[in-house]
């Protein structure tokens, strides 16, 4: 079973890596993978052909989310 984890360097993403270590994992996090680049993200995921995508990526800077709501929404 192939699994994609976005936000793989975060707290939840790291915990999932441990839990799913026996699976074929595609780990996606910045700076290598910018999930706001929809076309590139879609291509990467489709090429991997996962059985499951776990989206744990987040825009965690709350103050910046208020100033940049469009960016926060894209994430």
PDB file of N, CA and C in Angstrom:
ATOM      1  N   UNK A   1       0.841  -1.180   0.000  1.00  0.00           N
ATOM      2  CA  UNK A   1       0.000   0.000   0.000  1.00  0.00           C
ATOM      3  C   UNK A   1       0.884   1.241   0.000  1.00  0.00           C
ATOM      4  N   UNK A   2       0.662   2.138  -0.944  1.00  0.00           N
ATOM      5  CA  UNK A   2       1.384   3.387  -1.011  1.00  0.00           C
ATOM      6  C   UNK A   2       0.615   4.495  -0.321  1.00  0.00           C
ATOM      7  N   UNK A   3       1.332   5.322   0.428  1.00  0.00           N
ATOM      8  CA  UNK A   3       0.705   6.405   1.180  1.00  0.00           C
ATOM      9  C   UNK A   3       1.482   7.695   0.951  1.00  0.00           C
ATOM     10  N   UNK A   4       0.766   8.769   0.634  1.00  0.00           N
ATOM     11  CA  UNK A   4       1.346  10.102   0.543  1.00  0.00           C
ATOM     12  C   UNK A   4       1.019  10.826   1.845  1.00  0.00           C
ATOM     13  N   UNK A   5       2.035  11.464   2.440  1.00  0.00           N
ATOM     14  CA  UNK A   5       1.815  12.280   3.629  1.00  0.00           C
ATOM     15  C   UNK A   5       2.285  13.689   3.305  1.00  0.00           C
ATOM     16  N   UNK A   6       1.347  14.636   3.259  1.00  0.00           N
ATOM     17  CA  UNK A   6       1.725  16.041   3.107  1.00  0.00           C
ATOM     18  C   UNK A   6       2.004  16.587   4.504  1.00  0.00           C
ATOM     19  N   UNK A   7       2.869  17.566   4.571  1.00  0.00           N
ATOM     20  CA  UNK A   7       3.230  18.099   5.883  1.00  0.00           C
ATOM     21  C   UNK A   7       4.006  17.075   6.699  1.00  0.00           C
ATOM     22  N   UNK A   8       4.810  16.290   6.009  1.00  0.00           N
ATOM     23  CA  UNK A   8       5.486  15.149   6.637  1.00  0.00           C
ATOM     24  C   UNK A   8       6.517  15.531   7.694  1.00  0.00           C
ATOM     25  N   UNK A   9       6.982  16.774   7.702  1.00  0.00           N
ATOM     26  CA  UNK A   9       7.973  17.186   8.704  1.00  0.00           C
ATOM     27  C   UNK A   9       7.324  17.744   9.969  1.00  0.00           C
ATOM     28  N   UNK A  10       6.016  17.896   9.952  1.00  0.00           N
ATOM     29  CA  UNK A  10       5.315  18.411  11.125  1.00  0.00           C
ATOM     30  C   UNK A  10       5.098  17.331  12.176  1.00  0.00           C
ATOM     31  N   UNK A  11       4.482  17.720  13.275  1.00  0.00           N
ATOM     32  CA  UNK A  11       4.281  16.792  14.395  1.00  0.00           C
ATOM     33  C   UNK A  11       3.407  15.604  13.991  1.00  0.00           C
ATOM     34  N   UNK A  12       2.273  15.860  13.355  1.00  0.00           N
ATOM     35  CA  UNK A  12       1.396  14.756  12.949  1.00  0.00           C
ATOM     36  C   UNK A  12       2.021  13.942  11.827  1.00  0.00           C
ATOM     37  N   UNK A  13       2.616  14.617  10.847  1.00  0.00           N
ATOM     38  CA  UNK A  13       3.249  13.918   9.738  1.00  0.00           C
ATOM     39  C   UNK A  13       4.370  13.002  10.195  1.00  0.00           C
ATOM     40  N   UNK A  14       5.158  13.451  11.148  1.00  0.00           N
ATOM     41  CA  UNK A  14       6.251  12.642  11.692  1.00  0.00           C
ATOM     42  C   UNK A  14       5.707  11.420  12.425  1.00  0.00           C
ATOM     43  N   UNK A  15       4.652  11.605  13.198  1.00  0.00           N
ATOM     44  CA  UNK A  15       4.042  10.482  13.913  1.00  0.00           C
ATOM     45  C   UNK A  15       3.478   9.462  12.927  1.00  0.00           C
ATOM     46  N   UNK A  16       2.887   9.930  11.843  1.00  0.00           N
ATOM     47  CA  UNK A  16       2.351   9.012  10.839  1.00  0.00           C
ATOM     48  C   UNK A  16       3.456   8.221  10.152  1.00  0.00           C
ATOM     49  N   UNK A  17       4.602   8.857   9.940  1.00  0.00           N
ATOM     50  CA  UNK A  17       5.730   8.136   9.328  1.00  0.00           C
ATOM     51  C   UNK A  17       6.114   6.930  10.168  1.00  0.00           C
ATOM     52  N   UNK A  18       6.147   7.123  11.468  1.00  0.00           N
ATOM     53  CA  UNK A  18       6.485   6.022  12.369  1.00  0.00           C
ATOM     54  C   UNK A  18       5.427   4.933  12.306  1.00  0.00           C
ATOM     55  N   UNK A  19       4.183   5.338  12.368  1.00  0.00           N
ATOM     56  CA  UNK A  19       3.071   4.385  12.349  1.00  0.00           C
ATOM     57  C   UNK A  19       2.995   3.628  11.029  1.00  0.00           C
ATOM     58  N   UNK A  20       3.276   4.311   9.930  1.00  0.00           N
ATOM     59  CA  UNK A  20       3.142   3.712   8.596  1.00  0.00           C
ATOM     60  C   UNK A  20       4.476   3.308   7.984  1.00  0.00           C
ATOM     61  N   UNK A  21       5.498   3.136   8.796  1.00  0.00           N
ATOM     62  CA  UNK A  21       6.847   2.871   8.278  1.00  0.00           C
ATOM     63  C   UNK A  21       6.935   1.587   7.456  1.00  0.00           C
ATOM     64  N   UNK A  22       6.016   0.683   7.638  1.00  0.00           N
ATOM     65  CA  UNK A  22       6.025  -0.567   6.874  1.00  0.00           C
ATOM     66  C   UNK A  22       5.361  -0.403   5.502  1.00  0.00           C
ATOM     67  N   UNK A  23       4.889   0.784   5.196  1.00  0.00           N
ATOM     68  CA  UNK A  23       4.253   1.083   3.910  1.00  0.00           C
ATOM     69  C   UNK A  23       5.231   1.814   2.997  1.00  0.00           C
ATOM     70  N   UNK A  24       4.881   1.857   1.708  1.00  0.00           N
ATOM     71  CA  UNK A  24       5.635   2.642   0.737  1.00  0.00           C
ATOM     72  C   UNK A  24       5.166   4.087   0.878  1.00  0.00           C
ATOM     73  N   UNK A  25       6.039   4.970   1.366  1.00  0.00           N
ATOM     74  CA  UNK A  25       5.646   6.342   1.683  1.00  0.00           C
ATOM     75  C   UNK A  25       6.232   7.359   0.710  1.00  0.00           C
ATOM     76  N   UNK A  26       5.419   8.344   0.353  1.00  0.00           N
ATOM     77  CA  UNK A  26       5.888   9.535  -0.342  1.00  0.00           C
ATOM     78  C   UNK A  26       5.682  10.673   0.635  1.00  0.00           C
ATOM     79  N   UNK A  27       6.786  11.254   1.092  1.00  0.00           N
ATOM     80  CA  UNK A  27       6.743  12.315   2.095  1.00  0.00           C
ATOM     81  C   UNK A  27       6.843  13.662   1.391  1.00  0.00           C
ATOM     82  N   UNK A  28       5.859  14.522   1.626  1.00  0.00           N
ATOM     83  CA  UNK A  28       5.810  15.824   0.968  1.00  0.00           C
ATOM     84  C   UNK A  28       5.810  16.926   2.011  1.00  0.00           C
ATOM     85  N   UNK A  29       6.818  17.786   1.941  1.00  0.00           N
ATOM     86  CA  UNK A  29       6.891  18.950   2.822  1.00  0.00           C
ATOM     87  C   UNK A  29       7.750  20.008   2.142  1.00  0.00           C
ATOM     88  N   UNK A  30       7.621  21.240   2.616  1.00  0.00           N
ATOM     89  CA  UNK A  30       8.431  22.326   2.078  1.00  0.00           C
ATOM     90  C   UNK A  30       9.873  22.153   2.536  1.00  0.00           C
ATOM     91  N   UNK A  31      10.861  22.556   1.813  1.00  0.00           N
ATOM     92  CA  UNK A  31      10.787  23.324   0.577  1.00  0.00           C
ATOM     93  C   UNK A  31      10.705  22.466  -0.684  1.00  0.00           C
ATOM     94  N   UNK A  32      10.910  21.158  -0.569  1.00  0.00           N
ATOM     95  CA  UNK A  32      10.915  20.306  -1.765  1.00  0.00           C
ATOM     96  C   UNK A  32       9.563  20.252  -2.462  1.00  0.00           C
ATOM     97  N   UNK A  33       8.498  20.254  -1.684  1.00  0.00           N
ATOM     98  CA  UNK A  33       7.150  20.149  -2.246  1.00  0.00           C
ATOM     99  C   UNK A  33       6.288  21.300  -1.746  1.00  0.00           C
ATOM    100  N   UNK A  34       5.913  22.175  -2.653  1.00  0.00           N
ATOM    101  CA  UNK A  34       5.022  23.284  -2.332  1.00  0.00           C
ATOM    102  C   UNK A  34       3.606  22.853  -2.704  1.00  0.00           C
ATOM    103  N   UNK A  35       2.805  22.484  -1.711  1.00  0.00           N
ATOM    104  CA  UNK A  35       1.473  21.954  -2.011  1.00  0.00           C
ATOM    105  C   UNK A  35       0.527  22.997  -2.591  1.00  0.00           C
ATOM    106  N   UNK A  36       0.909  24.280  -2.538  1.00  0.00           N
ATOM    107  CA  UNK A  36       0.072  25.295  -3.164  1.00  0.00           C
ATOM    108  C   UNK A  36       0.275  25.339  -4.675  1.00  0.00           C
ATOM    109  N   UNK A  37       1.275  24.623  -5.181  1.00  0.00           N
ATOM    110  CA  UNK A  37       1.467  24.469  -6.627  1.00  0.00           C
ATOM    111  C   UNK A  37       0.638  23.258  -7.050  1.00  0.00           C
ATOM    112  N   UNK A  38      -0.623  23.523  -7.346  1.00  0.00           N
ATOM    113  CA  UNK A  38      -1.593  22.454  -7.583  1.00  0.00           C
ATOM    114  C   UNK A  38      -1.159  21.475  -8.667  1.00  0.00           C
ATOM    115  N   UNK A  39      -0.754  21.977  -9.818  1.00  0.00           N
ATOM    116  CA  UNK A  39      -0.399  21.096 -10.940  1.00  0.00           C
ATOM    117  C   UNK A  39       0.783  20.187 -10.601  1.00  0.00           C
ATOM    118  N   UNK A  40       1.809  20.747 -10.000  1.00  0.00           N
ATOM    119  CA  UNK A  40       2.984  19.937  -9.631  1.00  0.00           C
ATOM    120  C   UNK A  40       2.621  18.907  -8.564  1.00  0.00           C
ATOM    121  N   UNK A  41       1.838  19.337  -7.577  1.00  0.00           N
ATOM    122  CA  UNK A  41       1.418  18.420  -6.515  1.00  0.00           C
ATOM    123  C   UNK A  41       0.588  17.275  -7.093  1.00  0.00           C
ATOM    124  N   UNK A  42      -0.356  17.617  -7.952  1.00  0.00           N
ATOM    125  CA  UNK A  42      -1.200  16.592  -8.579  1.00  0.00           C
ATOM    126  C   UNK A  42      -0.360  15.605  -9.383  1.00  0.00           C
ATOM    127  N   UNK A  43       0.573  16.128 -10.187  1.00  0.00           N
ATOM    128  CA  UNK A  43       1.443  15.253 -10.984  1.00  0.00           C
ATOM    129  C   UNK A  43       2.250  14.317 -10.100  1.00  0.00           C
ATOM    130  N   UNK A  44       2.808  14.852  -9.021  1.00  0.00           N
ATOM    131  CA  UNK A  44       3.627  14.039  -8.113  1.00  0.00           C
ATOM    132  C   UNK A  44       2.800  12.918  -7.501  1.00  0.00           C
ATOM    133  N   UNK A  45       1.614  13.246  -7.049  1.00  0.00           N
ATOM    134  CA  UNK A  45       0.755  12.239  -6.415  1.00  0.00           C
ATOM    135  C   UNK A  45       0.284  11.208  -7.432  1.00  0.00           C
ATOM    136  N   UNK A  46      -0.150  11.657  -8.602  1.00  0.00           N
ATOM    137  CA  UNK A  46      -0.624  10.730  -9.632  1.00  0.00           C
ATOM    138  C   UNK A  46       0.496   9.793 -10.072  1.00  0.00           C
ATOM    139  N   UNK A  47       1.707  10.318 -10.233  1.00  0.00           N
ATOM    140  CA  UNK A  47       2.843   9.490 -10.630  1.00  0.00           C
ATOM    141  C   UNK A  47       3.166   8.430  -9.579  1.00  0.00           C
ATOM    142  N   UNK A  48       2.961   8.746  -8.323  1.00  0.00           N
ATOM    143  CA  UNK A  48       3.234   7.806  -7.227  1.00  0.00           C
ATOM    144  C   UNK A  48       2.163   6.717  -7.140  1.00  0.00           C
ATOM    145  N   UNK A  49       0.950   7.040  -7.555  1.00  0.00           N
ATOM    146  CA  UNK A  49      -0.189   6.115  -7.544  1.00  0.00           C
ATOM    147  C   UNK A  49      -0.478   5.553  -6.144  1.00  0.00           C
ATOM    148  N   UNK A  50      -0.725   6.426  -5.175  1.00  0.00           N
ATOM    149  CA  UNK A  50      -0.951   5.960  -3.804  1.00  0.00           C
ATOM    150  C   UNK A  50      -2.337   5.354  -3.621  1.00  0.00           C
ATOM    151  N   UNK A  51      -2.452   4.553  -2.582  1.00  0.00           N
ATOM    152  CA  UNK A  51      -3.752   4.048  -2.160  1.00  0.00           C
ATOM    153  C   UNK A  51      -4.425   5.033  -1.213  1.00  0.00           C
ATOM    154  N   UNK A  52      -3.616   5.898  -0.602  1.00  0.00           N
ATOM    155  CA  UNK A  52      -4.122   6.814   0.410  1.00  0.00           C
ATOM    156  C   UNK A  52      -3.287   8.083   0.420  1.00  0.00           C
ATOM    157  N   UNK A  53      -3.957   9.237   0.557  1.00  0.00           N
ATOM    158  CA  UNK A  53      -3.283  10.517   0.743  1.00  0.00           C
ATOM    159  C   UNK A  53      -3.738  11.062   2.087  1.00  0.00           C
ATOM    160  N   UNK A  54      -2.769  11.356   2.970  1.00  0.00           N
ATOM    161  CA  UNK A  54      -3.078  11.932   4.275  1.00  0.00           C
ATOM    162  C   UNK A  54      -2.541  13.357   4.258  1.00  0.00           C
ATOM    163  N   UNK A  55      -3.453  14.309   4.301  1.00  0.00           N
ATOM    164  CA  UNK A  55      -3.084  15.726   4.167  1.00  0.00           C
ATOM    165  C   UNK A  55      -2.963  16.336   5.560  1.00  0.00           C
ATOM    166  N   UNK A  56      -1.715  16.407   6.059  1.00  0.00           N
ATOM    167  CA  UNK A  56      -1.485  16.982   7.389  1.00  0.00           C
ATOM    168  C   UNK A  56      -0.819  18.354   7.311  1.00  0.00           C
ATOM    169  N   UNK A  57      -0.557  18.830   6.101  1.00  0.00           N
ATOM    170  CA  UNK A  57       0.075  20.142   5.947  1.00  0.00           C
ATOM    171  C   UNK A  57      -0.858  21.223   6.464  1.00  0.00           C
ATOM    172  N   UNK A  58      -0.267  22.259   7.039  1.00  0.00           N
ATOM    173  CA  UNK A  58      -1.071  23.344   7.593  1.00  0.00           C
ATOM    174  C   UNK A  58      -0.298  24.652   7.575  1.00  0.00           C
ATOM    175  N   UNK A  59      -1.014  25.732   7.557  1.00  0.00           N
ATOM    176  CA  UNK A  59      -0.458  27.067   7.684  1.00  0.00           C
ATOM    177  C   UNK A  59      -0.630  27.405   9.157  1.00  0.00           C
ATOM    178  N   UNK A  60       0.420  27.242   9.930  1.00  0.00           N
ATOM    179  CA  UNK A  60       0.294  27.313  11.388  1.00  0.00           C
ATOM    180  C   UNK A  60       0.532  28.692  11.996  1.00  0.00           C
ATOM    181  N   UNK A  61       0.982  29.640  11.212  1.00  0.00           N
ATOM    182  CA  UNK A  61       1.211  30.993  11.725  1.00  0.00           C
ATOM    183  C   UNK A  61      -0.121  31.744  11.682  1.00  0.00           C
ATOM    184  N   UNK A  62      -0.846  31.719  12.788  1.00  0.00           N
ATOM    185  CA  UNK A  62      -2.200  32.269  12.842  1.00  0.00           C
ATOM    186  C   UNK A  62      -2.222  33.753  12.498  1.00  0.00           C
ATOM    187  N   UNK A  63      -1.279  34.527  13.024  1.00  0.00           N
ATOM    188  CA  UNK A  63      -1.242  35.963  12.723  1.00  0.00           C
ATOM    189  C   UNK A  63      -1.051  36.202  11.229  1.00  0.00           C
ATOM    190  N   UNK A  64      -0.181  35.440  10.624  1.00  0.00           N
ATOM    191  CA  UNK A  64       0.063  35.596   9.182  1.00  0.00           C
ATOM    192  C   UNK A  64      -1.153  35.150   8.367  1.00  0.00           C
ATOM    193  N   UNK A  65      -1.879  34.142   8.848  1.00  0.00           N
ATOM    194  CA  UNK A  65      -3.107  33.698   8.176  1.00  0.00           C
ATOM    195  C   UNK A  65      -4.105  34.841   8.084  1.00  0.00           C
ATOM    196  N   UNK A  66      -4.187  35.645   9.131  1.00  0.00           N
ATOM    197  CA  UNK A  66      -5.116  36.773   9.130  1.00  0.00           C
ATOM    198  C   UNK A  66      -4.707  37.840   8.125  1.00  0.00           C
ATOM    199  N   UNK A  67      -3.404  38.009   7.938  1.00  0.00           N
ATOM    200  CA  UNK A  67      -2.901  39.018   7.011  1.00  0.00           C
ATOM    201  C   UNK A  67      -2.903  38.490   5.575  1.00  0.00           C
ATOM    202  N   UNK A  68      -2.677  37.180   5.418  1.00  0.00           N
ATOM    203  CA  UNK A  68      -2.602  36.549   4.094  1.00  0.00           C
ATOM    204  C   UNK A  68      -3.641  35.428   3.974  1.00  0.00           C
ATOM    205  N   UNK A  69      -4.921  35.754   4.019  1.00  0.00           N
ATOM    206  CA  UNK A  69      -5.939  34.706   4.001  1.00  0.00           C
ATOM    207  C   UNK A  69      -5.933  33.865   2.714  1.00  0.00           C
ATOM    208  N   UNK A  70      -5.553  34.464   1.588  1.00  0.00           N
ATOM    209  CA  UNK A  70      -5.508  33.696   0.338  1.00  0.00           C
ATOM    210  C   UNK A  70      -4.458  32.602   0.407  1.00  0.00           C
ATOM    211  N   UNK A  71      -3.297  32.928   0.952  1.00  0.00           N
ATOM    212  CA  UNK A  71      -2.229  31.928   1.110  1.00  0.00           C
ATOM    213  C   UNK A  71      -2.655  30.829   2.067  1.00  0.00           C
ATOM    214  N   UNK A  72      -3.258  31.225   3.176  1.00  0.00           N
ATOM    215  CA  UNK A  72      -3.712  30.242   4.158  1.00  0.00           C
ATOM    216  C   UNK A  72      -4.750  29.305   3.532  1.00  0.00           C
ATOM    217  N   UNK A  73      -5.652  29.841   2.766  1.00  0.00           N
ATOM    218  CA  UNK A  73      -6.681  29.025   2.127  1.00  0.00           C
ATOM    219  C   UNK A  73      -6.071  28.029   1.132  1.00  0.00           C
ATOM    220  N   UNK A  74      -5.064  28.475   0.365  1.00  0.00           N
ATOM    221  CA  UNK A  74      -4.414  27.585  -0.619  1.00  0.00           C
ATOM    222  C   UNK A  74      -3.784  26.378   0.074  1.00  0.00           C
ATOM    223  N   UNK A  75      -3.221  26.577   1.243  1.00  0.00           N
ATOM    224  CA  UNK A  75      -2.620  25.467   1.979  1.00  0.00           C
ATOM    225  C   UNK A  75      -3.723  24.545   2.470  1.00  0.00           C
TER     226      UNK A  75
END
